[in-house]
Amino acid sequence: LHNTTFVIELNTTHKVIGILQVDDIVPVLKHHPALLNKKGCTLSFALHPEFQRQGIITETLQSFIDVLFHQYAFDYVNCGYFDFNEASKKVQEKLGFQFLLVHQVQLNHVTIDVLENICWNPTYNNPLS
């Protein structure tokens, strides 16, 4: 399942309107004490601007995260967002993600803060609480 991309299709037309990608945990999190000896993945997402702010990505992610927890037995799912991406921040908050850490990346000679969040499997005892 790691390093796998899924398309998000509009139910009515089957038009591709976005993607979900499941990857190995980002390197900056691999040795975080709260995540050691736990099974997790990093989930990335993108949605065409025409379909944003309609609840589509929140509903899609909730269903997909449920699959990751129940069918693949992940203990947690990680999502990150650039500090200026308020929409992604709000989606992650709605889904119950909790802040874990911030780190910086270089994109086109610009330093950007990335906030990394964790959503714990509800059957797992959340070590961040």
N, C-alpha and C. Protein backbone atom coordinates (compact mmCIF):
# COMPACT_ATOMS: atom_id res chain seq x y z
N LEU A 1 0.82 -1.20 0.00
CA LEU A 1 0.00 0.00 0.00
C LEU A 1 0.86 1.26 0.00
N HIS A 2 2.06 1.17 0.56
CA HIS A 2 2.93 2.35 0.59
C HIS A 2 3.32 2.76 -0.82
N ASN A 3 3.51 4.07 -0.99
CA ASN A 3 3.89 4.65 -2.29
C ASN A 3 2.86 4.33 -3.36
N THR A 4 1.60 4.49 -2.99
CA THR A 4 0.47 4.20 -3.88
C THR A 4 -0.39 5.44 -4.02
N THR A 5 -0.80 5.73 -5.26
CA THR A 5 -1.65 6.88 -5.54
C THR A 5 -3.03 6.40 -5.98
N PHE A 6 -4.06 7.04 -5.43
CA PHE A 6 -5.45 6.75 -5.77
C PHE A 6 -6.07 8.01 -6.36
N VAL A 7 -6.99 7.85 -7.28
CA VAL A 7 -7.69 9.01 -7.82
C VAL A 7 -8.99 9.22 -7.07
N ILE A 8 -9.41 10.46 -7.01
CA ILE A 8 -10.73 10.82 -6.47
C ILE A 8 -11.59 11.15 -7.67
N GLU A 9 -12.68 10.41 -7.82
CA GLU A 9 -13.59 10.62 -8.95
C GLU A 9 -14.88 11.25 -8.45
N LEU A 10 -15.46 12.09 -9.28
CA LEU A 10 -16.78 12.65 -9.02
C LEU A 10 -17.79 11.53 -9.25
N ASN A 11 -18.65 11.28 -8.28
CA ASN A 11 -19.61 10.16 -8.38
C ASN A 11 -20.48 10.23 -9.63
N THR A 12 -20.92 11.40 -9.98
CA THR A 12 -21.90 11.52 -11.07
C THR A 12 -21.30 11.34 -12.46
N THR A 13 -20.05 11.79 -12.64
CA THR A 13 -19.46 11.76 -13.99
C THR A 13 -18.22 10.88 -14.09
N HIS A 14 -17.71 10.42 -12.97
CA HIS A 14 -16.45 9.66 -12.89
C HIS A 14 -15.25 10.46 -13.38
N LYS A 15 -15.40 11.78 -13.40
CA LYS A 15 -14.30 12.68 -13.74
C LYS A 15 -13.30 12.68 -12.58
N VAL A 16 -12.01 12.58 -12.89
CA VAL A 16 -10.98 12.63 -11.85
C VAL A 16 -10.85 14.08 -11.38
N ILE A 17 -11.03 14.28 -10.06
CA ILE A 17 -10.98 15.63 -9.50
C ILE A 17 -9.90 15.80 -8.44
N GLY A 18 -9.19 14.71 -8.13
CA GLY A 18 -8.14 14.82 -7.13
C GLY A 18 -7.40 13.52 -6.96
N ILE A 19 -6.45 13.54 -6.02
CA ILE A 19 -5.67 12.34 -5.72
C ILE A 19 -5.47 12.19 -4.21
N LEU A 20 -5.24 10.95 -3.81
CA LEU A 20 -4.77 10.60 -2.47
C LEU A 20 -3.51 9.79 -2.68
N GLN A 21 -2.50 10.04 -1.88
CA GLN A 21 -1.27 9.26 -1.99
C GLN A 21 -0.86 8.77 -0.61
N VAL A 22 -0.56 7.48 -0.54
CA VAL A 22 -0.08 6.86 0.69
C VAL A 22 1.40 6.56 0.51
N ASP A 23 2.21 7.04 1.44
CA ASP A 23 3.66 6.85 1.37
C ASP A 23 4.18 6.38 2.72
N ASP A 24 5.45 5.97 2.70
CA ASP A 24 6.15 5.72 3.95
C ASP A 24 6.19 7.01 4.75
N ILE A 25 6.37 6.89 6.03
CA ILE A 25 6.45 8.06 6.90
C ILE A 25 7.58 8.98 6.45
N VAL A 26 7.31 10.27 6.48
CA VAL A 26 8.33 11.23 6.09
C VAL A 26 9.54 11.08 7.01
N PRO A 27 10.75 11.23 6.47
CA PRO A 27 11.97 10.96 7.26
C PRO A 27 12.05 11.70 8.58
N VAL A 28 11.57 12.93 8.64
CA VAL A 28 11.67 13.72 9.87
C VAL A 28 10.87 13.08 11.02
N LEU A 29 9.93 12.19 10.71
CA LEU A 29 9.11 11.56 11.76
C LEU A 29 9.57 10.16 12.14
N LYS A 30 10.44 9.58 11.36
CA LYS A 30 10.80 8.16 11.55
C LYS A 30 11.28 7.84 12.97
N HIS A 31 11.94 8.78 13.64
CA HIS A 31 12.50 8.50 14.96
C HIS A 31 11.80 9.27 16.07
N HIS A 32 10.62 9.82 15.77
CA HIS A 32 9.88 10.55 16.81
C HIS A 32 9.44 9.55 17.89
N PRO A 33 9.65 9.87 19.16
CA PRO A 33 9.35 8.92 20.24
C PRO A 33 7.90 8.43 20.25
N ALA A 34 6.96 9.28 19.90
CA ALA A 34 5.54 8.88 19.93
C ALA A 34 5.20 7.86 18.85
N LEU A 35 6.06 7.74 17.84
CA LEU A 35 5.75 6.87 16.70
C LEU A 35 6.59 5.60 16.65
N LEU A 36 7.57 5.50 17.51
CA LEU A 36 8.45 4.33 17.49
C LEU A 36 7.66 3.04 17.72
N ASN A 37 7.99 2.01 16.98
CA ASN A 37 7.36 0.69 17.09
C ASN A 37 5.87 0.70 16.80
N LYS A 38 5.43 1.66 16.00
CA LYS A 38 4.03 1.75 15.61
C LYS A 38 3.94 1.73 14.09
N LYS A 39 2.83 1.23 13.60
CA LYS A 39 2.62 1.12 12.15
C LYS A 39 1.86 2.35 11.66
N GLY A 40 2.46 3.07 10.73
CA GLY A 40 1.82 4.28 10.23
C GLY A 40 2.19 4.56 8.79
N CYS A 41 1.55 5.58 8.25
CA CYS A 41 1.83 6.01 6.87
C CYS A 41 1.61 7.51 6.78
N THR A 42 2.13 8.08 5.71
CA THR A 42 1.89 9.48 5.41
C THR A 42 0.85 9.54 4.30
N LEU A 43 -0.14 10.36 4.49
CA LEU A 43 -1.23 10.53 3.52
C LEU A 43 -1.17 11.95 2.98
N SER A 44 -1.09 12.06 1.66
CA SER A 44 -1.11 13.36 0.98
C SER A 44 -2.36 13.43 0.12
N PHE A 45 -2.82 14.64 -0.12
CA PHE A 45 -4.03 14.78 -0.93
C PHE A 45 -4.02 16.09 -1.69
N ALA A 46 -4.75 16.10 -2.80
CA ALA A 46 -4.93 17.31 -3.60
C ALA A 46 -6.28 17.20 -4.28
N LEU A 47 -6.95 18.33 -4.40
CA LEU A 47 -8.27 18.39 -5.02
C LEU A 47 -8.31 19.57 -5.98
N HIS A 48 -8.88 19.36 -7.14
CA HIS A 48 -9.00 20.43 -8.13
C HIS A 48 -9.73 21.62 -7.49
N PRO A 49 -9.24 22.84 -7.72
CA PRO A 49 -9.84 24.03 -7.07
C PRO A 49 -11.35 24.17 -7.29
N GLU A 50 -11.86 23.73 -8.42
CA GLU A 50 -13.29 23.84 -8.70
C GLU A 50 -14.14 23.05 -7.69
N PHE A 51 -13.53 22.05 -7.04
CA PHE A 51 -14.28 21.17 -6.14
C PHE A 51 -13.90 21.36 -4.68
N GLN A 52 -13.08 22.36 -4.39
CA GLN A 52 -12.68 22.63 -3.02
C GLN A 52 -13.80 23.35 -2.27
N ARG A 53 -13.73 23.27 -0.94
CA ARG A 53 -14.67 23.93 -0.03
C ARG A 53 -16.11 23.46 -0.21
N GLN A 54 -16.26 22.18 -0.57
CA GLN A 54 -17.59 21.58 -0.70
C GLN A 54 -17.73 20.35 0.20
N GLY A 55 -16.71 20.08 1.01
CA GLY A 55 -16.74 18.93 1.91
C GLY A 55 -16.31 17.62 1.25
N ILE A 56 -15.97 17.68 -0.02
CA ILE A 56 -15.60 16.46 -0.76
C ILE A 56 -14.34 15.84 -0.19
N ILE A 57 -13.31 16.65 0.02
CA ILE A 57 -12.04 16.08 0.48
C ILE A 57 -12.16 15.59 1.92
N THR A 58 -12.91 16.27 2.76
CA THR A 58 -13.10 15.83 4.14
C THR A 58 -13.79 14.47 4.17
N GLU A 59 -14.86 14.33 3.41
CA GLU A 59 -15.60 13.06 3.36
C GLU A 59 -14.73 11.94 2.78
N THR A 60 -14.00 12.25 1.73
CA THR A 60 -13.14 11.25 1.09
C THR A 60 -12.04 10.80 2.04
N LEU A 61 -11.39 11.76 2.69
CA LEU A 61 -10.31 11.42 3.60
C LEU A 61 -10.82 10.62 4.80
N GLN A 62 -11.97 10.99 5.34
CA GLN A 62 -12.51 10.25 6.49
C GLN A 62 -12.74 8.79 6.12
N SER A 63 -13.34 8.56 4.97
CA SER A 63 -13.58 7.18 4.52
C SER A 63 -12.27 6.45 4.29
N PHE A 64 -11.31 7.12 3.67
CA PHE A 64 -10.04 6.48 3.35
C PHE A 64 -9.24 6.18 4.63
N ILE A 65 -9.25 7.10 5.57
CA ILE A 65 -8.55 6.88 6.84
C ILE A 65 -9.19 5.71 7.59
N ASP A 66 -10.50 5.60 7.55
CA ASP A 66 -11.17 4.45 8.17
C ASP A 66 -10.68 3.14 7.56
N VAL A 67 -10.51 3.12 6.25
CA VAL A 67 -9.97 1.93 5.56
C VAL A 67 -8.54 1.65 6.05
N LEU A 68 -7.72 2.68 6.13
CA LEU A 68 -6.34 2.50 6.59
C LEU A 68 -6.29 1.92 8.00
N PHE A 69 -7.18 2.35 8.86
CA PHE A 69 -7.21 1.85 10.24
C PHE A 69 -7.79 0.44 10.33
N HIS A 70 -8.88 0.19 9.65
CA HIS A 70 -9.60 -1.07 9.85
C HIS A 70 -9.15 -2.20 8.93
N GLN A 71 -8.79 -1.89 7.69
CA GLN A 71 -8.38 -2.95 6.78
C GLN A 71 -6.87 -3.16 6.76
N TYR A 72 -6.10 -2.10 7.04
CA TYR A 72 -4.65 -2.20 6.99
C TYR A 72 -4.00 -2.13 8.37
N ALA A 73 -4.80 -1.94 9.39
CA ALA A 73 -4.36 -1.97 10.79
C ALA A 73 -3.24 -0.98 11.11
N PHE A 74 -3.31 0.22 10.52
CA PHE A 74 -2.35 1.26 10.88
C PHE A 74 -2.69 1.80 12.26
N ASP A 75 -1.66 2.11 13.03
CA ASP A 75 -1.85 2.73 14.34
C ASP A 75 -2.11 4.23 14.21
N TYR A 76 -1.55 4.82 13.15
CA TYR A 76 -1.71 6.26 12.94
C TYR A 76 -1.55 6.59 11.46
N VAL A 77 -2.05 7.77 11.11
CA VAL A 77 -1.86 8.34 9.78
C VAL A 77 -1.28 9.73 9.98
N ASN A 78 -0.28 10.05 9.20
CA ASN A 78 0.36 11.37 9.24
C ASN A 78 -0.08 12.18 8.03
N CYS A 79 -0.35 13.45 8.26
CA CYS A 79 -0.58 14.43 7.18
C CYS A 79 0.19 15.68 7.56
N GLY A 80 0.74 16.33 6.58
CA GLY A 80 1.42 17.59 6.82
C GLY A 80 0.84 18.66 5.91
N TYR A 81 1.13 19.91 6.23
CA TYR A 81 0.69 21.00 5.36
C TYR A 81 1.66 22.16 5.50
N PHE A 82 1.79 22.94 4.41
CA PHE A 82 2.59 24.15 4.44
C PHE A 82 1.89 25.17 5.33
N ASP A 83 2.66 25.96 6.05
CA ASP A 83 2.09 26.88 7.05
C ASP A 83 1.10 27.88 6.46
N PHE A 84 1.14 28.12 5.17
CA PHE A 84 0.22 29.08 4.56
C PHE A 84 -1.05 28.41 4.02
N ASN A 85 -1.16 27.10 4.13
CA ASN A 85 -2.30 26.37 3.55
C ASN A 85 -3.40 26.20 4.61
N GLU A 86 -4.19 27.24 4.80
CA GLU A 86 -5.26 27.22 5.81
C GLU A 86 -6.32 26.17 5.51
N ALA A 87 -6.61 25.94 4.23
CA ALA A 87 -7.64 24.96 3.87
C ALA A 87 -7.22 23.56 4.31
N SER A 88 -5.98 23.18 4.06
CA SER A 88 -5.50 21.87 4.48
C SER A 88 -5.47 21.76 6.00
N LYS A 89 -5.08 22.84 6.65
CA LYS A 89 -5.08 22.85 8.12
C LYS A 89 -6.48 22.58 8.66
N LYS A 90 -7.49 23.24 8.10
CA LYS A 90 -8.87 23.08 8.57
C LYS A 90 -9.39 21.67 8.32
N VAL A 91 -9.06 21.11 7.17
CA VAL A 91 -9.49 19.74 6.87
C VAL A 91 -8.90 18.78 7.90
N GLN A 92 -7.61 18.93 8.16
CA GLN A 92 -6.97 18.03 9.12
C GLN A 92 -7.54 18.20 10.53
N GLU A 93 -7.84 19.43 10.92
CA GLU A 93 -8.45 19.66 12.23
C GLU A 93 -9.82 18.99 12.31
N LYS A 94 -10.63 19.11 11.25
CA LYS A 94 -11.96 18.48 11.23
C LYS A 94 -11.86 16.97 11.40
N LEU A 95 -10.79 16.40 10.86
CA LEU A 95 -10.62 14.95 10.90
C LEU A 95 -9.96 14.45 12.18
N GLY A 96 -9.62 15.37 13.08
CA GLY A 96 -9.07 14.97 14.37
C GLY A 96 -7.56 14.82 14.42
N PHE A 97 -6.86 15.33 13.41
CA PHE A 97 -5.41 15.27 13.44
C PHE A 97 -4.89 16.17 14.54
N GLN A 98 -3.79 15.75 15.18
CA GLN A 98 -3.15 16.51 16.24
C GLN A 98 -1.75 16.93 15.80
N PHE A 99 -1.36 18.13 16.17
CA PHE A 99 -0.03 18.64 15.84
C PHE A 99 1.04 17.76 16.48
N LEU A 100 2.08 17.45 15.70
CA LEU A 100 3.19 16.67 16.22
C LEU A 100 4.49 17.49 16.22
N LEU A 101 4.83 18.10 15.08
CA LEU A 101 6.04 18.90 15.01
C LEU A 101 6.03 19.78 13.76
N VAL A 102 6.95 20.73 13.73
CA VAL A 102 7.14 21.59 12.57
C VAL A 102 8.58 21.45 12.11
N HIS A 103 8.77 21.43 10.80
CA HIS A 103 10.11 21.41 10.23
C HIS A 103 10.10 22.28 8.97
N GLN A 104 11.27 22.51 8.43
CA GLN A 104 11.37 23.40 7.27
C GLN A 104 11.85 22.64 6.04
N VAL A 105 11.33 23.07 4.88
CA VAL A 105 11.77 22.54 3.59
C VAL A 105 12.14 23.71 2.69
N GLN A 106 12.99 23.44 1.73
CA GLN A 106 13.40 24.44 0.75
C GLN A 106 12.67 24.15 -0.56
N LEU A 107 11.92 25.12 -1.06
CA LEU A 107 11.26 25.01 -2.36
C LEU A 107 11.58 26.25 -3.17
N ASN A 108 12.22 26.06 -4.29
CA ASN A 108 12.60 27.19 -5.15
C ASN A 108 13.33 28.28 -4.37
N HIS A 109 14.28 27.88 -3.55
CA HIS A 109 15.13 28.79 -2.77
C HIS A 109 14.36 29.57 -1.71
N VAL A 110 13.18 29.06 -1.35
CA VAL A 110 12.37 29.67 -0.29
C VAL A 110 12.21 28.64 0.82
N THR A 111 12.38 29.06 2.06
CA THR A 111 12.19 28.17 3.20
C THR A 111 10.73 28.23 3.64
N ILE A 112 10.13 27.06 3.75
CA ILE A 112 8.72 26.97 4.12
C ILE A 112 8.58 26.06 5.33
N ASP A 113 7.76 26.48 6.29
CA ASP A 113 7.45 25.63 7.44
C ASP A 113 6.41 24.61 7.05
N VAL A 114 6.66 23.36 7.45
CA VAL A 114 5.70 22.27 7.25
C VAL A 114 5.27 21.79 8.62
N LEU A 115 3.97 21.77 8.86
CA LEU A 115 3.43 21.29 10.12
C LEU A 115 2.99 19.85 9.91
N GLU A 116 3.50 18.95 10.74
CA GLU A 116 3.17 17.53 10.63
C GLU A 116 2.17 17.17 11.73
N ASN A 117 1.10 16.51 11.32
CA ASN A 117 0.03 16.14 12.23
C ASN A 117 -0.19 14.63 12.20
N ILE A 118 -0.79 14.12 13.27
CA ILE A 118 -1.05 12.69 13.40
C ILE A 118 -2.52 12.49 13.74
N CYS A 119 -3.12 11.50 13.08
CA CYS A 119 -4.45 11.02 13.44
C CYS A 119 -4.27 9.59 13.94
N TRP A 120 -4.65 9.35 15.18
CA TRP A 120 -4.46 8.03 15.79
C TRP A 120 -5.66 7.15 15.52
N ASN A 121 -5.39 5.88 15.31
CA ASN A 121 -6.45 4.89 15.19
C ASN A 121 -7.26 4.94 16.50
N PRO A 122 -8.59 5.05 16.40
CA PRO A 122 -9.40 5.17 17.63
C PRO A 122 -9.27 3.98 18.56
N THR A 123 -8.83 2.82 18.06
CA THR A 123 -8.66 1.66 18.92
C THR A 123 -7.30 1.64 19.61
N TYR A 124 -6.46 2.65 19.29
CA TYR A 124 -5.11 2.72 19.83
C TYR A 124 -5.06 3.78 20.91
N ASN A 125 -4.30 3.54 21.96
CA ASN A 125 -4.16 4.52 23.03
C ASN A 125 -3.26 5.65 22.58
N ASN A 126 -3.82 6.83 22.40
CA ASN A 126 -3.11 7.99 21.87
C ASN A 126 -2.04 8.46 22.87
N PRO A 127 -0.75 8.33 22.49
CA PRO A 127 0.31 8.75 23.41
C PRO A 127 0.47 10.27 23.51
N LEU A 128 -0.21 11.03 22.66
CA LEU A 128 -0.10 12.49 22.71
C LEU A 128 -1.12 13.13 23.64
N SER A 129 -2.09 12.33 24.14
CA SER A 129 -3.12 12.94 25.00
C SER A 129 -2.63 13.09 26.40
